[in-house]
Amino acid sequence: MKILIDFTQIPLKKVGVGVYAMSLLKEINKIKKSEEYFVAVLNDDYEVIELLKESNVFKIIYLKKIFRRLVFRFLFEQFYLPILILKNKIDVVHSLHYSFPILPMKVKKVVTLHDMTFFLYPNFHKKINVFFFTNMIKFSVKCCDEIICVSEATKRDVFNILNVKKDLREKFVVVPLGVDDRKEIVLNGKDSNILLKHSLEPKKYLLFIGTIEPRKNIKSILEAYSMIHEKYLDYKLVIVGRKGWHYDNVYQTVEELKLGDRIVFTDFVTENEKNNLLANCYLFLYPSFYEGFGIPVLEAMSFGIPTITSKISSMPEVSGDAAILIDPYNVKEIADGITLLIDDKFLYQDLVAKSLKQVKKFTWNQMATSTMKAYLE
């Protein structure tokens, strides 16, 4: 069987969906099944190309980086990708990020749906993206042969929002995401000076990781921190992530609350820098309004870092009993959670142990194995 994985949808800076996509390739490479794998990749994605070149599992289909632009990417996906599928006699094509070739073909289509935020929170996205992805998700229910949802919460949202008929529900499969094995992670490499760069002391800062956008609820983190920071002057707040959209109010909130010298914005960091920041933080904050899965929660817990996250969408599914669950719309609950974890050392250590136990339920190997099973089905 010939399988084509479309990697052209994945951005150069690998966060969220990018981490998922890279992990899928790495694990398929380790498993080495008898199927023949093709990967369509843009020629400026050197990280992926290097991985593919070192493998004897994948055949590479190179494409020009011009297809990163939305219009050209659409043209590639809908018109040129079908040509590649026919030319290489592909049996299954896997689209990693919502959209897929709509044209009717004999090839079987698999698509991954990460969340339903375009339906639930359209105000958090650009209008053109809302139009494009909401329609693509609707088409996927009708046109795709297998639909991968990254959590039970995402599958439930798809069923409820689109009123999916019972006869179509059979092609949905839940494939949870995973986390890297911390034994393999080196924390003293070339990027280990990230703490020194930002004048941070180990276990003396609170941490958030994610794109700076409204859905991540960073403003509430800042407001909660402002309620407790005078009592806990030893603890700074570190915000890790690139600017997304509608981020101005985050920086305005910092100014209004006069927190300038207490907040550290790192922008995008390397994978090793991120791991160093996670391993050395005191607690992790992730009160997102909505997540299809919430990889950062799992990553924090994999280091045994007590976490405060939301009690809605997929986050309880990921964190289990290993985190403090709060109402993301209630700033005081976030502040109380921070106070509790700083003051109650017994609770803190209990969550450390529960976190390390919970993450064992989620591995990239399990994710890849389940995905490959979906190909066979």
Protein backbone atom coordinates (compact mmCIF):
# COMPACT_ATOMS: atom_id res chain seq x y z
CA MET A 1 0.00 0.00 0.00
CA LYS A 2 1.24 3.48 -0.90
CA ILE A 3 0.56 6.27 1.60
CA LEU A 4 1.12 9.99 0.99
CA ILE A 5 1.43 12.32 3.97
CA ASP A 6 0.89 15.97 3.03
CA PHE A 7 3.34 18.00 5.12
CA THR A 8 2.91 21.20 3.12
CA GLN A 9 0.28 22.48 5.56
CA ILE A 10 2.76 22.59 8.45
CA PRO A 11 4.58 25.89 9.25
CA LEU A 12 8.34 26.17 9.63
CA LYS A 13 8.12 26.94 13.35
CA LYS A 14 6.85 23.68 14.81
CA VAL A 15 4.36 24.30 17.60
CA GLY A 16 1.09 22.49 18.28
CA VAL A 17 0.13 20.89 14.98
CA GLY A 18 3.76 21.08 13.87
CA VAL A 19 4.88 19.02 16.89
CA TYR A 20 2.18 16.46 16.07
CA ALA A 21 3.25 16.26 12.42
CA MET A 22 6.96 15.89 13.17
CA SER A 23 6.29 13.27 15.83
CA LEU A 24 4.18 11.24 13.41
CA LEU A 25 7.04 11.07 10.88
CA LYS A 26 9.61 10.22 13.55
CA GLU A 27 7.54 7.38 14.97
CA ILE A 28 6.60 5.92 11.58
CA ASN A 29 10.32 5.93 10.81
CA LYS A 30 10.98 3.92 14.00
CA ILE A 31 8.15 1.45 13.46
CA LYS A 32 9.14 0.75 9.82
CA LYS A 33 6.10 -1.10 8.51
CA SER A 34 5.96 -2.65 5.05
CA GLU A 35 3.81 0.14 3.56
CA GLU A 36 5.41 2.57 1.13
CA TYR A 37 5.41 6.14 2.46
CA PHE A 38 5.63 9.37 0.46
CA VAL A 39 5.89 12.82 2.08
CA ALA A 40 5.07 16.04 0.24
CA VAL A 41 7.22 18.77 1.79
CA LEU A 42 8.15 22.35 0.92
CA ASN A 43 11.81 22.78 -0.03
CA ASP A 44 12.53 25.35 2.71
CA ASP A 45 11.56 23.00 5.56
CA TYR A 46 15.10 21.78 6.21
CA GLU A 47 14.25 20.14 9.54
CA VAL A 48 11.77 17.78 7.90
CA ILE A 49 13.91 17.21 4.82
CA GLU A 50 16.87 16.21 6.98
CA LEU A 51 14.72 13.69 8.86
CA LEU A 52 13.37 12.25 5.60
CA LYS A 53 16.80 12.02 3.97
CA GLU A 54 18.20 10.03 6.91
CA SER A 55 15.31 7.57 6.67
CA ASN A 56 14.93 4.56 4.41
CA VAL A 57 11.16 4.58 5.00
CA PHE A 58 10.08 7.74 3.15
CA LYS A 59 10.18 8.94 -0.43
CA ILE A 60 10.33 12.74 -0.67
CA ILE A 61 8.19 14.85 -2.97
CA TYR A 62 9.75 18.33 -3.06
CA LEU A 63 7.62 21.41 -3.61
CA LYS A 64 8.55 25.09 -3.88
CA LYS A 65 8.15 27.28 -0.81
CA ILE A 66 5.76 29.57 -2.72
CA PHE A 67 3.04 27.12 -1.66
CA ARG A 68 3.27 28.53 1.88
CA ARG A 69 1.04 31.38 0.71
CA LEU A 70 -2.59 30.55 1.37
CA VAL A 71 -3.81 31.05 -2.20
CA PHE A 72 -1.04 28.95 -3.75
CA ARG A 73 -1.37 26.31 -1.04
CA PHE A 74 -5.05 25.98 -1.89
CA LEU A 75 -4.25 25.61 -5.60
CA PHE A 76 -1.62 22.98 -4.82
CA GLU A 77 -3.90 21.02 -2.54
CA GLN A 78 -6.95 21.04 -4.78
CA PHE A 79 -5.36 20.68 -8.22
CA TYR A 80 -1.68 19.67 -8.12
CA LEU A 81 -1.82 17.23 -5.20
CA PRO A 82 -4.38 15.05 -7.05
CA ILE A 83 -1.93 14.87 -9.97
CA LEU A 84 0.83 13.70 -7.61
CA ILE A 85 -1.55 11.13 -6.15
CA LEU A 86 -2.35 9.71 -9.59
CA LYS A 87 1.26 9.87 -10.78
CA ASN A 88 2.57 7.91 -7.78
CA LYS A 89 -0.43 5.55 -7.62
CA ILE A 90 -1.18 6.52 -4.03
CA ASP A 91 -3.73 4.43 -2.11
CA VAL A 92 -4.17 6.64 0.97
CA VAL A 93 -3.53 10.38 1.40
CA HIS A 94 -3.31 11.84 4.91
CA SER A 95 -3.92 15.58 5.33
CA LEU A 96 -2.55 16.66 8.71
CA HIS A 97 -4.39 19.93 9.28
CA TYR A 98 -8.13 20.10 8.40
CA SER A 99 -8.02 20.67 4.64
CA PHE A 100 -7.66 18.02 1.94
CA PRO A 101 -8.19 17.57 -1.83
CA ILE A 102 -11.94 17.68 -2.47
CA LEU A 103 -11.88 16.35 -6.04
CA PRO A 104 -13.40 12.84 -6.24
CA MET A 105 -10.63 10.24 -6.68
CA LYS A 106 -10.16 6.55 -6.07
CA VAL A 107 -7.61 7.35 -3.34
CA LYS A 108 -8.76 6.97 0.25
CA LYS A 109 -8.68 10.22 2.23
CA VAL A 110 -7.67 10.60 5.86
CA VAL A 111 -7.80 14.00 7.58
CA THR A 112 -6.88 15.09 11.09
CA LEU A 113 -9.25 17.49 12.87
CA HIS A 114 -7.55 19.19 15.82
CA ASP A 115 -10.40 21.25 17.23
CA MET A 116 -13.59 23.13 16.37
CA THR A 117 -12.41 26.58 17.35
CA PHE A 118 -13.32 28.03 13.94
CA PHE A 119 -16.95 27.27 14.75
CA LEU A 120 -16.94 27.99 18.47
CA TYR A 121 -14.70 31.06 18.55
CA PRO A 122 -14.68 32.62 15.07
CA ASN A 123 -13.79 35.99 16.61
CA PHE A 124 -10.41 34.52 17.58
CA HIS A 125 -9.41 34.01 13.93
CA LYS A 126 -9.03 35.88 10.68
CA LYS A 127 -12.27 35.90 8.68
CA ILE A 128 -10.72 34.23 5.63
CA ASN A 129 -9.46 31.37 7.82
CA VAL A 130 -12.86 30.94 9.43
CA PHE A 131 -14.54 30.73 6.02
CA PHE A 132 -11.95 28.33 4.61
CA PHE A 133 -11.62 25.92 7.52
CA THR A 134 -15.27 25.74 8.56
CA ASN A 135 -16.15 24.69 5.02
CA MET A 136 -13.26 22.23 4.85
CA ILE A 137 -14.36 20.56 8.09
CA LYS A 138 -17.91 20.26 6.74
CA PHE A 139 -16.58 18.71 3.53
CA SER A 140 -14.42 16.26 5.51
CA VAL A 141 -17.48 14.72 7.15
CA LYS A 142 -18.95 14.03 3.71
CA CYS A 143 -15.87 13.27 1.63
CA CYS A 144 -13.20 11.66 3.80
CA ASP A 145 -12.95 7.93 4.43
CA GLU A 146 -11.37 8.24 7.89
CA ILE A 147 -11.41 11.24 10.20
CA ILE A 148 -8.89 11.42 13.03
CA CYS A 149 -9.83 13.52 16.07
CA VAL A 150 -7.10 14.24 18.59
CA SER A 151 -9.42 13.90 21.61
CA GLU A 152 -12.85 12.68 22.63
CA ALA A 153 -13.75 16.31 23.26
CA THR A 154 -12.98 17.26 19.66
CA LYS A 155 -14.98 14.32 18.29
CA ARG A 156 -17.90 15.26 20.54
CA ASP A 157 -17.76 18.87 19.33
CA VAL A 158 -17.75 17.77 15.68
CA PHE A 159 -20.76 15.53 16.23
CA ASN A 160 -22.71 18.22 18.10
CA ILE A 161 -21.87 21.25 15.96
CA LEU A 162 -22.32 19.55 12.58
CA ASN A 163 -25.08 17.19 13.71
CA VAL A 164 -23.20 14.23 12.22
CA LYS A 165 -25.51 11.37 11.27
CA LYS A 166 -25.02 7.99 12.94
CA ASP A 167 -24.02 6.24 9.71
CA LEU A 168 -21.14 8.71 9.26
CA ARG A 169 -19.86 8.47 12.84
CA GLU A 170 -18.20 5.12 12.19
CA LYS A 171 -15.41 6.73 10.19
CA PHE A 172 -14.33 8.89 13.14
CA VAL A 173 -11.47 7.64 15.26
CA VAL A 174 -9.88 9.27 18.32
CA VAL A 175 -6.08 9.27 18.27
CA PRO A 176 -4.71 11.20 21.29
CA LEU A 177 -1.45 13.06 20.93
CA GLY A 178 1.65 12.28 22.95
CA VAL A 179 4.75 13.64 24.59
CA ASP A 180 8.45 13.00 24.13
CA ASP A 181 10.32 10.62 26.42
CA ARG A 182 12.05 12.92 28.92
CA LYS A 183 14.91 10.42 29.29
CA GLU A 184 15.99 11.33 25.77
CA ILE A 185 15.93 15.09 26.31
CA VAL A 186 19.20 16.89 26.98
CA LEU A 187 18.75 19.93 29.21
CA ASN A 188 22.33 21.16 29.23
CA GLY A 189 22.88 21.73 25.52
CA LYS A 190 23.65 24.90 23.61
CA ASP A 191 20.30 26.47 24.53
CA SER A 192 20.57 25.82 28.27
CA ASN A 193 21.45 29.48 28.93
CA ILE A 194 17.85 30.55 28.28
CA LEU A 195 17.35 31.12 32.02
CA LEU A 196 20.49 33.24 32.23
CA LYS A 197 19.43 35.21 29.17
CA HIS A 198 16.21 36.29 30.89
CA SER A 199 17.61 36.53 34.45
CA LEU A 200 15.48 33.63 35.72
CA GLU A 201 16.17 31.47 38.76
CA PRO A 202 15.14 27.79 38.73
CA LYS A 203 11.78 27.20 40.44
CA LYS A 204 11.26 30.94 40.83
CA TYR A 205 8.95 31.64 37.91
CA LEU A 206 5.49 30.71 36.67
CA LEU A 207 5.25 29.67 33.03
CA PHE A 208 2.85 29.84 30.10
CA ILE A 209 3.64 28.44 26.63
CA GLY A 210 1.51 29.09 23.57
CA THR A 211 0.77 31.48 20.73
CA ILE A 212 -0.15 34.97 21.95
CA GLU A 213 -3.76 35.09 20.81
CA PRO A 214 -7.16 35.62 22.51
CA ARG A 215 -8.05 31.93 22.83
CA LYS A 216 -5.09 31.29 25.13
CA ASN A 217 -6.54 33.66 27.76
CA ILE A 218 -3.18 35.28 28.56
CA LYS A 219 -4.88 38.45 29.75
CA SER A 220 -6.51 36.50 32.60
CA ILE A 221 -3.12 35.02 33.52
CA LEU A 222 -1.73 38.55 33.82
CA GLU A 223 -4.68 39.74 35.89
CA ALA A 224 -4.44 36.72 38.20
CA TYR A 225 -0.70 37.25 38.61
CA SER A 226 -1.25 40.91 39.46
CA MET A 227 -3.48 39.80 42.35
CA ILE A 228 -0.75 37.72 44.00
CA HIS A 229 2.62 39.02 42.82
CA GLU A 230 3.20 41.41 45.73
CA LYS A 231 2.80 38.53 48.19
CA TYR A 232 5.19 36.33 46.21
CA LEU A 233 7.85 38.73 44.97
CA ASP A 234 10.31 35.89 44.35
CA TYR A 235 8.21 34.55 41.46
CA LYS A 236 8.25 36.08 37.98
CA LEU A 237 5.81 35.27 35.17
CA VAL A 238 7.24 33.99 31.88
CA ILE A 239 5.19 34.08 28.66
CA VAL A 240 6.66 31.88 25.92
CA GLY A 241 5.36 32.03 22.36
CA ARG A 242 5.24 34.01 19.16
CA LYS A 243 2.72 36.75 18.44
CA GLY A 244 -0.39 35.39 16.76
CA TRP A 245 -3.29 37.78 16.24
CA HIS A 246 -5.22 40.31 18.36
CA TYR A 247 -2.32 40.30 20.82
CA ASP A 248 -2.23 44.04 21.55
CA ASN A 249 -4.44 43.80 24.63
CA VAL A 250 -1.92 41.44 26.26
CA TYR A 251 0.79 44.10 26.18
CA GLN A 252 -1.71 46.81 27.12
CA THR A 253 -2.70 44.78 30.17
CA VAL A 254 0.93 44.55 31.27
CA GLU A 255 1.19 48.34 31.10
CA GLU A 256 -2.14 48.95 32.83
CA LEU A 257 -1.26 46.62 35.69
CA LYS A 258 2.28 48.02 35.90
CA LEU A 259 3.86 44.60 35.67
CA GLY A 260 6.63 45.51 33.24
CA ASP A 261 9.55 44.38 35.42
CA ARG A 262 7.78 41.21 36.56
CA ILE A 263 6.80 39.72 33.16
CA VAL A 264 9.23 38.07 30.75
CA PHE A 265 8.19 37.66 27.10
CA THR A 266 10.59 35.29 25.31
CA ASP A 267 8.90 35.18 21.87
CA PHE A 268 9.46 31.89 19.98
CA VAL A 269 12.06 29.57 21.54
CA THR A 270 13.83 26.45 20.31
CA GLU A 271 12.68 23.02 21.44
CA ASN A 272 15.63 22.71 23.81
CA GLU A 273 15.02 26.18 25.25
CA LYS A 274 11.38 25.29 25.81
CA ASN A 275 12.35 22.11 27.63
CA ASN A 276 14.77 24.00 29.86
CA LEU A 277 12.09 26.53 30.73
CA LEU A 278 9.60 23.75 31.49
CA ALA A 279 12.00 21.70 33.58
CA ASN A 280 12.94 24.68 35.76
CA CYS A 281 9.61 26.45 36.26
CA TYR A 282 7.67 26.23 39.53
CA LEU A 283 4.24 25.74 37.99
CA PHE A 284 2.58 25.87 34.60
CA LEU A 285 -0.42 28.03 33.68
CA TYR A 286 -2.74 27.11 30.81
CA PRO A 287 -6.26 28.54 31.37
CA SER A 288 -7.18 28.38 27.68
CA PHE A 289 -10.77 29.04 26.62
CA TYR A 290 -10.68 26.03 24.31
CA GLU A 291 -8.26 23.30 23.20
CA GLY A 292 -8.61 20.36 20.87
CA PHE A 293 -5.95 18.58 22.93
CA GLY A 294 -3.52 20.88 24.76
CA ILE A 295 0.00 19.55 24.18
CA PRO A 296 1.63 22.16 26.49
CA VAL A 297 -0.29 20.75 29.47
CA LEU A 298 1.06 17.29 28.72
CA GLU A 299 4.59 18.62 28.18
CA ALA A 300 4.58 20.39 31.55
CA MET A 301 3.27 17.33 33.34
CA SER A 302 5.94 15.17 31.70
CA PHE A 303 8.50 17.16 33.70
CA GLY A 304 6.45 16.68 36.86
CA ILE A 305 5.38 20.33 36.87
CA PRO A 306 2.08 21.03 38.70
CA THR A 307 -0.35 22.67 36.30
CA ILE A 308 -3.35 24.98 36.48
CA THR A 309 -5.61 24.53 33.46
CA SER A 310 -9.23 24.88 32.36
CA LYS A 311 -12.02 22.48 33.26
CA ILE A 312 -13.56 22.67 29.78
CA SER A 313 -13.05 21.08 26.34
CA SER A 314 -10.18 18.54 26.20
CA MET A 315 -8.06 19.73 29.10
CA PRO A 316 -9.64 17.56 31.84
CA GLU A 317 -9.26 14.60 29.45
CA VAL A 318 -5.52 15.25 29.16
CA SER A 319 -4.73 16.26 32.75
CA GLY A 320 -6.92 13.77 34.61
CA ASP A 321 -6.58 14.28 38.37
CA ALA A 322 -3.04 15.60 37.99
CA ALA A 323 -3.86 19.32 37.67
CA ILE A 324 -5.87 22.07 39.32
CA LEU A 325 -8.87 22.68 37.07
CA ILE A 326 -10.35 26.18 36.99
CA ASP A 327 -13.00 28.22 35.21
CA PRO A 328 -11.00 30.16 32.57
CA TYR A 329 -13.49 33.05 32.84
CA ASN A 330 -12.85 33.40 36.60
CA VAL A 331 -9.60 35.27 37.22
CA LYS A 332 -9.84 34.78 40.98
CA GLU A 333 -9.89 31.00 40.55
CA ILE A 334 -6.61 31.21 38.63
CA ALA A 335 -5.08 33.44 41.33
CA ASP A 336 -6.32 31.11 44.08
CA GLY A 337 -4.80 28.14 42.26
CA ILE A 338 -1.41 29.85 42.11
CA THR A 339 -1.59 30.74 45.82
CA LEU A 340 -2.57 27.19 46.73
CA LEU A 341 0.35 25.61 44.86
CA ILE A 342 2.87 28.02 46.35
CA ASP A 343 1.60 27.66 49.93
CA ASP A 344 0.61 23.98 50.07
CA LYS A 345 3.80 21.96 49.60
CA PHE A 346 2.01 18.63 50.21
CA LEU A 347 -0.47 19.31 47.41
CA TYR A 348 2.39 20.44 45.20
CA GLN A 349 4.30 17.18 45.65
CA ASP A 350 1.11 15.15 45.21
CA LEU A 351 0.55 16.79 41.82
CA VAL A 352 4.19 16.17 40.86
CA ALA A 353 3.67 12.43 41.38
CA LYS A 354 0.26 12.37 39.68
CA SER A 355 1.60 14.30 36.68
CA LEU A 356 4.39 11.81 36.04
CA LYS A 357 1.86 8.98 36.26
CA GLN A 358 -0.73 10.65 34.00
CA VAL A 359 1.65 11.31 31.09
CA LYS A 360 2.40 7.62 30.72
CA LYS A 361 -1.05 7.30 29.13
CA PHE A 362 0.04 9.44 26.17
CA THR A 363 2.95 8.50 23.90
CA TRP A 364 3.85 9.44 20.35
CA ASN A 365 4.38 5.76 19.59
CA GLN A 366 0.76 5.01 20.48
CA MET A 367 -0.35 7.96 18.36
CA ALA A 368 1.61 6.79 15.31
CA THR A 369 0.52 3.16 15.72
CA SER A 370 -3.15 4.19 15.88
CA THR A 371 -2.70 6.46 12.86
CA MET A 372 -1.13 3.69 10.81
CA LYS A 373 -4.01 1.43 11.83
CA ALA A 374 -6.38 4.09 10.44
CA TYR A 375 -4.49 3.93 7.12
CA LEU A 376 -5.01 0.17 6.96
CA GLU A 377 -8.69 0.47 7.81
